């Protein structure tokens, strides 16, 4: 399995025969998109994040629910929000704590989805906010590790521990922390934690929120960077995701969007599928033409993208 990095040069071999549809790419989310919410991983992950906030960051337990909701709502992920308001921590340790205890045994091989993906004659790439280890484990459990050309993950968009936010959101010249850094570095100051709960308790909470150094969905800059890294043309791409916010951001950057997990279309979604398994019924044109050969990626080699934290 190939994990994209900022400096990886992707060589693309396009089909020699012109396809009868308008799409050359599929960009797909992983969690709660390729497997159902009922697997229980999302709930377990949320519980692990809350435990991390209490046990590792010393946040009072009675503030966790409100704080977590505000961080997720305003920053896309709790992790990104924690960094924004001033908490600093080792990214690998965070991911190990949050994902290392997930009930992966709930994920079972999905031969139906595997067959569906292998029969789809376009480039297929995973785009997840999760870390590399989690993505590899989940795909392996589902039996889908050779169904995708590669994975754009947390380490792809955050190859080093960035401690400051550039005025240019698209700046990739990250600031690296040295191994002997003695004190935590935050996006606000070394001692101050921004009180986001207090901020939103004010009648006119109009002050701009602190920015996060973490690059992730639903940021449009994150999606655009992912497209550049994988050399994907948004106008020829179907973007599958279970998050309405991610779908709407994807639509704004020019992607054709497929909301997964509901049959109810929302603003920004070109299609809505109750399950990823309904892909062929909703988009039969993807399989038009000569589709006899399976498209797998068994020969790909993993590319290391270490995190400096």
Protein backbone atom coordinates (compact mmCIF):
# COMPACT_ATOMS: atom_id res chain seq x y z
CA UNK A 1 0.00 0.00 0.00
CA UNK A 2 1.31 3.44 -0.91
CA UNK A 3 1.05 6.36 1.51
CA UNK A 4 1.45 9.72 -0.16
CA UNK A 5 3.91 12.29 1.12
CA UNK A 6 4.53 15.91 0.15
CA UNK A 7 7.67 14.96 -1.80
CA UNK A 8 6.42 11.77 -3.45
CA UNK A 9 6.29 12.00 -7.23
CA UNK A 10 3.20 10.16 -8.45
CA UNK A 11 3.44 8.67 -11.91
CA UNK A 12 0.03 8.08 -13.42
CA UNK A 13 -0.74 5.70 -16.25
CA UNK A 14 -4.12 6.64 -17.64
CA UNK A 15 -6.28 4.09 -19.47
CA UNK A 16 -5.27 3.75 -23.12
CA UNK A 17 -8.90 3.40 -24.13
CA UNK A 18 -11.05 6.47 -23.67
CA UNK A 19 -13.63 5.82 -20.97
CA UNK A 20 -17.26 6.44 -21.79
CA UNK A 21 -17.81 8.41 -18.59
CA UNK A 22 -16.40 11.71 -17.38
CA UNK A 23 -14.55 10.45 -14.31
CA UNK A 24 -10.93 9.35 -14.00
CA UNK A 25 -10.62 9.43 -10.20
CA UNK A 26 -12.32 8.31 -7.02
CA UNK A 27 -11.32 10.03 -3.77
CA UNK A 28 -12.85 8.21 -0.82
CA UNK A 29 -12.98 8.75 2.90
CA UNK A 30 -12.28 5.70 5.09
CA UNK A 31 -14.04 5.72 8.46
CA UNK A 32 -17.83 5.43 8.38
CA UNK A 33 -17.65 5.56 4.59
CA UNK A 34 -16.12 2.23 3.58
CA UNK A 35 -17.69 0.58 6.62
CA UNK A 36 -20.90 1.48 8.51
CA UNK A 37 -21.25 3.63 11.59
CA UNK A 38 -22.80 0.61 13.31
CA UNK A 39 -19.34 -0.98 13.57
CA UNK A 40 -18.87 0.96 16.80
CA UNK A 41 -15.43 2.34 15.94
CA UNK A 42 -16.60 5.96 15.86
CA UNK A 43 -18.13 5.73 19.33
CA UNK A 44 -15.05 4.01 20.73
CA UNK A 45 -12.82 6.63 19.12
CA UNK A 46 -14.85 9.44 20.68
CA UNK A 47 -14.57 7.79 24.11
CA UNK A 48 -10.81 7.39 23.68
CA UNK A 49 -10.43 11.05 22.73
CA UNK A 50 -12.31 12.09 25.85
CA UNK A 51 -10.12 9.82 27.98
CA UNK A 52 -7.02 11.35 26.40
CA UNK A 53 -8.22 14.86 27.17
CA UNK A 54 -8.69 13.95 30.85
CA UNK A 55 -5.75 11.62 31.43
CA UNK A 56 -3.07 13.24 29.24
CA UNK A 57 -4.06 16.90 29.04
CA UNK A 58 -5.57 17.30 32.51
CA UNK A 59 -8.86 18.77 31.30
CA UNK A 60 -11.67 18.64 33.83
CA UNK A 61 -14.07 15.83 33.07
CA UNK A 62 -17.17 18.01 33.44
CA UNK A 63 -15.93 20.22 30.57
CA UNK A 64 -15.17 17.43 28.13
CA UNK A 65 -18.57 17.17 26.41
CA UNK A 66 -18.97 20.89 25.71
CA UNK A 67 -15.31 21.36 24.82
CA UNK A 68 -15.24 18.38 22.47
CA UNK A 69 -18.37 19.54 20.66
CA UNK A 70 -17.02 23.06 20.17
CA UNK A 71 -13.62 21.87 18.96
CA UNK A 72 -15.11 19.41 16.47
CA UNK A 73 -17.65 21.94 15.22
CA UNK A 74 -15.13 24.73 14.70
CA UNK A 75 -11.99 22.87 13.65
CA UNK A 76 -13.12 19.69 11.91
CA UNK A 77 -11.40 17.35 14.38
CA UNK A 78 -10.97 17.49 18.15
CA UNK A 79 -7.23 17.09 17.68
CA UNK A 80 -7.01 20.14 15.44
CA UNK A 81 -9.09 22.13 17.91
CA UNK A 82 -6.95 21.13 20.90
CA UNK A 83 -3.84 22.38 19.11
CA UNK A 84 -5.57 25.61 18.14
CA UNK A 85 -6.59 26.57 21.68
CA UNK A 86 -3.10 25.95 23.04
CA UNK A 87 -2.53 22.29 23.91
CA UNK A 88 0.59 20.65 22.57
CA UNK A 89 1.25 16.93 22.48
CA UNK A 90 3.03 14.22 20.52
CA UNK A 91 0.93 13.37 17.47
CA UNK A 92 2.01 9.73 17.36
CA UNK A 93 1.21 9.29 21.05
CA UNK A 94 -2.22 10.85 20.51
CA UNK A 95 -3.04 8.56 17.61
CA UNK A 96 -1.73 5.52 19.46
CA UNK A 97 -3.95 6.31 22.45
CA UNK A 98 -7.05 7.17 20.39
CA UNK A 99 -6.83 4.45 17.72
CA UNK A 100 -4.73 1.80 19.43
CA UNK A 101 -7.62 0.60 21.58
CA UNK A 102 -10.31 0.55 18.89
CA UNK A 103 -12.37 -2.64 18.43
CA UNK A 104 -10.90 -3.49 15.02
CA UNK A 105 -12.30 -6.98 15.40
CA UNK A 106 -15.68 -5.44 14.52
CA UNK A 107 -14.42 -4.81 10.98
CA UNK A 108 -14.90 -7.86 8.80
CA UNK A 109 -13.71 -8.58 5.25
CA UNK A 110 -16.12 -7.11 2.70
CA UNK A 111 -15.87 -9.22 -0.49
CA UNK A 112 -18.81 -7.42 -2.11
CA UNK A 113 -17.18 -3.99 -1.76
CA UNK A 114 -13.82 -5.44 -2.73
CA UNK A 115 -15.24 -6.81 -5.98
CA UNK A 116 -17.02 -3.54 -6.66
CA UNK A 117 -13.84 -1.49 -6.20
CA UNK A 118 -11.62 -3.81 -8.20
CA UNK A 119 -14.04 -3.70 -11.11
CA UNK A 120 -14.01 0.11 -11.16
CA UNK A 121 -11.55 1.15 -13.92
CA UNK A 122 -10.49 4.52 -12.54
CA UNK A 123 -7.81 5.67 -10.10
CA UNK A 124 -8.93 5.17 -6.51
CA UNK A 125 -7.35 7.00 -3.55
CA UNK A 126 -8.21 7.07 0.16
CA UNK A 127 -8.34 10.51 1.82
CA UNK A 128 -8.63 10.30 5.60
CA UNK A 129 -7.91 12.57 8.56
CA UNK A 130 -6.71 9.48 10.46
CA UNK A 131 -3.09 8.40 10.83
CA UNK A 132 -1.22 5.91 8.67
CA UNK A 133 -1.30 3.04 11.18
CA UNK A 134 -5.08 3.24 11.61
CA UNK A 135 -5.71 3.48 7.86
CA UNK A 136 -3.57 0.42 7.16
CA UNK A 137 -5.24 -1.59 9.93
CA UNK A 138 -8.78 -0.71 8.89
CA UNK A 139 -8.19 -1.41 5.20
CA UNK A 140 -6.52 -4.71 6.04
CA UNK A 141 -9.43 -5.81 8.24
CA UNK A 142 -11.86 -4.95 5.45
CA UNK A 143 -9.77 -6.82 2.90
CA UNK A 144 -9.44 -3.67 0.78
CA UNK A 145 -5.73 -2.87 1.10
CA UNK A 146 -5.03 -3.57 -2.58
CA UNK A 147 -8.16 -1.85 -3.91
CA UNK A 148 -6.69 1.65 -3.75
CA UNK A 149 -3.68 3.19 -5.42
CA UNK A 150 -2.68 4.91 -2.19
CA UNK A 151 -3.68 6.74 0.97
CA UNK A 152 -3.63 10.43 1.83
CA UNK A 153 -3.60 10.46 5.63
CA UNK A 154 -2.73 12.67 8.60
CA UNK A 155 1.01 12.32 8.04
CA UNK A 156 0.66 13.26 4.37
CA UNK A 157 -0.71 16.72 5.19
CA UNK A 158 1.15 17.10 8.50
CA UNK A 159 4.63 15.70 7.85
CA UNK A 160 6.12 17.54 10.81
CA UNK A 161 4.96 18.95 14.12
CA UNK A 162 3.98 22.47 13.10
CA UNK A 163 3.95 24.80 16.09
CA UNK A 164 2.88 28.03 14.42
CA UNK A 165 0.25 29.02 11.90
CA UNK A 166 1.36 30.83 8.77
CA UNK A 167 -0.65 33.76 7.48
CA UNK A 168 -0.77 31.74 4.26
CA UNK A 169 -2.87 28.66 5.01
CA UNK A 170 -1.23 26.93 2.06
CA UNK A 171 2.30 27.39 3.40
CA UNK A 172 4.00 24.02 3.85
CA UNK A 173 7.27 25.27 5.38
CA UNK A 174 6.53 23.72 8.74
CA UNK A 175 8.35 24.64 11.96
CA UNK A 176 9.99 21.55 13.49
CA UNK A 177 10.37 21.00 17.21
CA UNK A 178 13.73 19.63 18.31
CA UNK A 179 13.94 16.44 20.34
CA UNK A 180 15.16 18.28 23.43
CA UNK A 181 12.41 20.87 23.51
CA UNK A 182 11.73 21.24 27.21
CA UNK A 183 8.39 23.01 27.28
CA UNK A 184 5.21 22.70 25.27
CA UNK A 185 4.79 25.11 22.38
CA UNK A 186 1.25 26.22 21.65
CA UNK A 187 -0.49 28.22 18.97
CA UNK A 188 -1.42 30.89 21.50
CA UNK A 189 1.47 31.02 24.01
CA UNK A 190 3.46 28.56 26.11
CA UNK A 191 1.14 28.97 29.11
CA UNK A 192 -2.20 30.32 27.92
CA UNK A 193 -5.10 28.09 26.91
CA UNK A 194 -7.81 29.83 24.95
CA UNK A 195 -11.15 29.45 26.76
CA UNK A 196 -13.36 28.49 23.84
CA UNK A 197 -16.27 27.52 26.12
CA UNK A 198 -16.17 30.94 27.75
CA UNK A 199 -15.79 32.56 24.35
CA UNK A 200 -19.03 31.08 23.06
CA UNK A 201 -20.86 31.74 26.31
CA UNK A 202 -20.61 35.47 25.60
CA UNK A 203 -23.72 37.05 24.03
CA UNK A 204 -21.72 38.41 21.07
CA UNK A 205 -18.89 35.96 20.46
CA UNK A 206 -17.54 37.76 17.43
CA UNK A 207 -13.81 37.57 18.09
CA UNK A 208 -11.88 35.43 15.63
CA UNK A 209 -10.89 32.03 16.96
CA UNK A 210 -7.22 30.99 17.08
CA UNK A 211 -6.06 29.02 14.06
CA UNK A 212 -4.86 25.45 14.17
CA UNK A 213 -1.49 24.31 12.83
CA UNK A 214 -3.05 20.98 11.81
CA UNK A 215 -4.14 20.54 8.21
CA UNK A 216 -7.25 18.36 7.83
CA UNK A 217 -10.71 18.09 6.32
CA UNK A 218 -13.04 19.97 6.08
CA UNK A 219 -10.49 22.70 5.32
CA UNK A 220 -10.63 23.56 1.63
CA UNK A 221 -6.87 24.16 1.73
CA UNK A 222 -6.41 20.59 3.01
CA UNK A 223 -8.52 19.15 0.19
CA UNK A 224 -6.74 21.22 -2.45
CA UNK A 225 -3.35 20.11 -1.11
CA UNK A 226 -4.43 16.47 -1.16
CA UNK A 227 -5.52 16.82 -4.78
CA UNK A 228 -2.15 18.31 -5.74
CA UNK A 229 -0.15 15.64 -3.94
CA UNK A 230 -2.03 12.79 -5.63
CA UNK A 231 -2.17 14.68 -8.94
CA UNK A 232 -5.95 14.50 -9.09
CA UNK A 233 -8.12 16.74 -11.24
CA UNK A 234 -11.15 17.73 -9.11
CA UNK A 235 -13.34 18.23 -12.18
CA UNK A 236 -12.83 14.56 -13.13
CA UNK A 237 -13.20 13.20 -9.60
CA UNK A 238 -15.94 11.65 -7.46
CA UNK A 239 -15.45 12.42 -3.77
CA UNK A 240 -17.09 9.98 -1.32
CA UNK A 241 -17.46 11.02 2.33
CA UNK A 242 -19.89 10.54 5.22
CA UNK A 243 -19.40 14.10 6.54
CA UNK A 244 -21.72 16.82 5.24
CA UNK A 245 -19.08 19.46 5.98
CA UNK A 246 -16.41 17.58 4.05
CA UNK A 247 -18.77 17.11 1.13
CA UNK A 248 -19.63 20.81 1.03
CA UNK A 249 -15.95 21.79 1.17
CA UNK A 250 -15.20 19.30 -1.59
CA UNK A 251 -17.93 20.80 -3.73
CA UNK A 252 -16.47 24.27 -3.26
CA UNK A 253 -13.09 23.15 -4.61
CA UNK A 254 -14.71 21.63 -7.69
CA UNK A 255 -15.17 17.95 -6.81
CA UNK A 256 -18.20 15.88 -7.77
CA UNK A 257 -19.55 14.78 -4.41
CA UNK A 258 -21.18 11.65 -3.02
CA UNK A 259 -22.54 11.74 0.53
CA UNK A 260 -22.43 8.26 2.10
CA UNK A 261 -24.64 7.05 4.95
CA UNK A 262 -27.94 8.56 3.91
CA UNK A 263 -30.15 8.62 0.85
CA UNK A 264 -31.13 12.24 1.55
CA UNK A 265 -29.19 14.69 -0.58
CA UNK A 266 -27.98 17.88 1.07
CA UNK A 267 -26.63 21.13 -0.32
CA UNK A 268 -23.28 20.41 -1.91
CA UNK A 269 -23.93 16.71 -2.54
CA UNK A 270 -24.39 15.59 -6.13
CA UNK A 271 -25.37 12.11 -4.96
CA UNK A 272 -26.41 10.53 -1.67
CA UNK A 273 -25.98 6.81 -0.93
CA UNK A 274 -27.33 4.89 2.03
CA UNK A 275 -24.28 2.66 1.68
CA UNK A 276 -21.08 2.63 -0.36
CA UNK A 277 -22.39 -0.67 -1.71
CA UNK A 278 -25.04 1.27 -3.65
CA UNK A 279 -22.37 2.91 -5.80
CA UNK A 280 -23.02 0.84 -8.92
CA UNK A 281 -26.77 1.44 -8.85
CA UNK A 282 -26.33 5.19 -8.41
CA UNK A 283 -23.43 5.62 -10.84
CA UNK A 284 -23.73 2.90 -13.51
CA UNK A 285 -21.86 5.05 -16.02
CA UNK A 286 -18.62 4.35 -14.13
CA UNK A 287 -18.77 0.77 -15.38
CA UNK A 288 -19.68 1.55 -18.99
CA UNK A 289 -17.39 0.36 -21.78
CA UNK A 290 -14.80 -2.40 -21.60
CA UNK A 291 -14.55 -3.33 -17.93
CA UNK A 292 -13.28 -6.91 -18.09
CA UNK A 293 -10.06 -6.51 -16.11
CA UNK A 294 -9.80 -5.84 -12.40
CA UNK A 295 -7.83 -2.81 -11.24
CA UNK A 296 -5.78 -3.70 -8.18
CA UNK A 297 -2.61 -2.33 -6.65
CA UNK A 298 -0.93 -5.42 -5.17
CA UNK A 299 2.52 -4.30 -6.32
CA UNK A 300 2.59 -1.00 -4.45
CA UNK A 301 5.19 -0.45 -1.76
CA UNK A 302 4.54 1.64 1.34
CA UNK A 303 6.29 5.01 1.44
CA UNK A 304 7.36 6.07 4.90
CA UNK A 305 6.20 9.55 5.96
CA UNK A 306 7.55 9.95 9.50
CA UNK A 307 6.21 12.58 11.89
CA UNK A 308 8.64 14.78 13.77
CA UNK A 309 6.96 15.54 17.10
